[in-house]
Amino acid sequence: MADAAVRLRWQGEGLIFTGGPEGGPTGIFDGDGRAGPSPVLTLLLALASCSGADVIDIAGKMRVAVGALEIDVEGDRAPEPPRRYTALRVTYRVAGVDPGDHDKIRRAVRLSEEKYCSVFHTLRSDVSYTSDIEFT
């Protein structure tokens, strides 16, 4: 039996699909990127939300209050099909954290990237990856 499963349904026009876990929340995905994020942008969102969840969870366990977290992910794609991502750059923007806790946030990001983020580790075998943390 699978550890995770989703179902995607074509909506009968264009490249528009809806999908999610059976019986759970669904999203709209559009191969043309008009009605919803495209599959390749969805991959970047998956990476950002996976790591973001890790960072917030780890910060909470470290008893670090986080006022806000934004994560930007940029990806470079190969010029020829299959146009896979060849490089990813991630910027974490963290606000409302006491300056004395900045090292704990750096550790939370490092733990996400090195140990916990399953999306990143699924991609990491041959993708160049860099990240940065900005405190505001």
Protein backbone atom coordinates (compact mmCIF):
# COMPACT_ATOMS: atom_id res chain seq x y z
CA MET A 1 0.00 0.00 0.00
CA ALA A 2 1.24 3.50 -0.84
CA ASP A 3 2.32 6.01 1.80
CA ALA A 4 0.54 8.81 -0.06
CA ALA A 5 -1.98 9.01 -2.88
CA VAL A 6 -3.78 11.72 -4.82
CA ARG A 7 -6.30 11.75 -7.61
CA LEU A 8 -6.25 14.28 -10.43
CA ARG A 9 -9.28 14.86 -12.67
CA TRP A 10 -9.27 16.65 -16.00
CA GLN A 11 -11.98 19.31 -16.07
CA GLY A 12 -12.91 18.69 -19.71
CA GLU A 13 -11.31 21.79 -21.21
CA GLY A 14 -7.81 23.01 -21.86
CA LEU A 15 -5.16 21.66 -19.51
CA ILE A 16 -7.17 22.31 -16.34
CA PHE A 17 -7.27 19.66 -13.62
CA THR A 18 -8.47 19.46 -10.03
CA GLY A 19 -6.96 17.10 -7.56
CA GLY A 20 -5.90 16.19 -4.10
CA PRO A 21 -6.11 13.30 -1.67
CA GLU A 22 -9.30 11.28 -1.99
CA GLY A 23 -11.86 12.79 0.38
CA GLY A 24 -9.53 15.70 1.25
CA PRO A 25 -9.02 19.26 0.07
CA THR A 26 -8.44 19.81 -3.65
CA GLY A 27 -6.67 22.39 -5.77
CA ILE A 28 -6.80 23.59 -9.37
CA PHE A 29 -3.79 22.97 -11.58
CA ASP A 30 -3.44 24.26 -15.12
CA GLY A 31 -0.79 23.16 -17.60
CA ASP A 32 -1.12 26.63 -19.15
CA GLY A 33 -0.90 28.39 -15.76
CA ARG A 34 -4.06 30.47 -16.24
CA ALA A 35 -6.74 28.87 -14.04
CA GLY A 36 -4.24 27.72 -11.40
CA PRO A 37 -0.55 27.07 -10.90
CA SER A 38 1.12 24.95 -13.56
CA PRO A 39 2.59 21.58 -12.55
CA VAL A 40 6.13 22.94 -12.55
CA LEU A 41 5.15 25.94 -10.40
CA THR A 42 3.25 23.59 -8.11
CA LEU A 43 6.53 21.75 -7.52
CA LEU A 44 8.11 25.01 -6.32
CA LEU A 45 5.10 25.64 -4.06
CA ALA A 46 5.43 22.12 -2.67
CA LEU A 47 9.09 22.75 -1.86
CA ALA A 48 8.32 26.11 -0.20
CA SER A 49 5.40 24.80 1.85
CA CYS A 50 7.26 21.65 2.92
CA SER A 51 10.26 23.59 4.16
CA GLY A 52 8.08 26.34 5.62
CA ALA A 53 6.12 23.81 7.66
CA ASP A 54 9.41 22.35 8.92
CA VAL A 55 10.80 25.75 9.91
CA ILE A 56 7.65 26.81 11.77
CA ASP A 57 7.39 23.43 13.51
CA ILE A 58 11.07 23.38 14.53
CA ALA A 59 10.96 27.02 15.67
CA GLY A 60 7.96 26.18 17.86
CA LYS A 61 9.82 23.28 19.43
CA MET A 62 12.75 25.65 20.08
CA ARG A 63 10.26 28.07 21.69
CA VAL A 64 11.05 30.75 19.11
CA ALA A 65 8.19 33.07 18.24
CA VAL A 66 7.95 33.83 14.51
CA GLY A 67 5.87 36.83 13.47
CA ALA A 68 5.87 36.08 9.74
CA LEU A 69 7.52 33.77 7.23
CA GLU A 70 7.63 34.21 3.47
CA ILE A 71 9.53 31.87 1.20
CA ASP A 72 10.49 32.71 -2.37
CA VAL A 73 11.61 29.87 -4.64
CA GLU A 74 13.16 30.46 -8.05
CA GLY A 75 13.92 27.67 -10.46
CA ASP A 76 16.02 27.41 -13.60
CA ARG A 77 14.75 24.94 -16.17
CA ALA A 78 16.59 23.06 -18.88
CA PRO A 79 16.07 24.68 -22.31
CA GLU A 80 15.03 21.43 -24.00
CA PRO A 81 12.31 18.91 -23.06
CA PRO A 82 11.73 17.57 -20.50
CA ARG A 83 12.57 21.10 -19.19
CA ARG A 84 13.29 19.83 -15.69
CA TYR A 85 14.60 22.10 -12.97
CA THR A 86 18.39 22.26 -12.96
CA ALA A 87 18.81 24.80 -10.16
CA LEU A 88 16.67 26.07 -7.29
CA ARG A 89 17.19 29.16 -5.16
CA VAL A 90 15.24 29.68 -1.95
CA THR A 91 14.96 32.83 0.13
CA TYR A 92 13.38 32.68 3.57
CA ARG A 93 12.08 36.04 4.84
CA VAL A 94 11.56 35.87 8.57
CA ALA A 95 10.00 38.70 10.58
CA GLY A 96 9.21 39.22 14.23
CA VAL A 97 12.01 37.04 15.57
CA ASP A 98 14.08 38.29 18.47
CA PRO A 99 17.65 38.92 17.22
CA GLY A 100 18.92 36.56 19.92
CA ASP A 101 16.98 33.75 18.22
CA HIS A 102 18.28 34.28 14.67
CA ASP A 103 20.75 31.41 15.03
CA LYS A 104 17.88 29.12 16.04
CA ILE A 105 16.01 30.05 12.86
CA ARG A 106 19.16 29.41 10.84
CA ARG A 107 19.35 25.99 12.49
CA ALA A 108 15.66 25.32 11.73
CA VAL A 109 16.25 26.09 8.05
CA ARG A 110 19.37 23.93 8.01
CA LEU A 111 17.49 21.03 9.62
CA SER A 112 14.69 21.34 7.07
CA GLU A 113 17.14 21.32 4.18
CA GLU A 114 19.48 18.65 5.51
CA LYS A 115 17.09 16.27 7.24
CA TYR A 116 13.34 16.86 7.16
CA CYS A 117 12.01 18.38 3.91
CA SER A 118 10.89 15.33 1.93
CA VAL A 119 10.16 17.41 -1.18
CA PHE A 120 13.71 18.76 -1.26
CA HIS A 121 15.19 15.33 -0.68
CA THR A 122 13.07 13.90 -3.49
CA LEU A 123 14.59 16.50 -5.85
CA ARG A 124 18.12 16.79 -4.54
CA SER A 125 20.05 14.09 -6.40
CA ASP A 126 21.15 16.32 -9.25
CA VAL A 127 19.63 19.75 -8.68
CA SER A 128 21.79 22.70 -7.67
CA TYR A 129 20.23 24.28 -4.57
CA THR A 130 21.00 27.47 -2.68
CA SER A 131 19.13 29.29 0.07
CA ASP A 132 19.32 32.52 2.02
CA ILE A 133 17.63 33.88 5.16
CA GLU A 134 16.56 37.51 5.51
CA PHE A 135 15.41 38.87 8.86
CA THR A 136 13.15 41.92 8.80
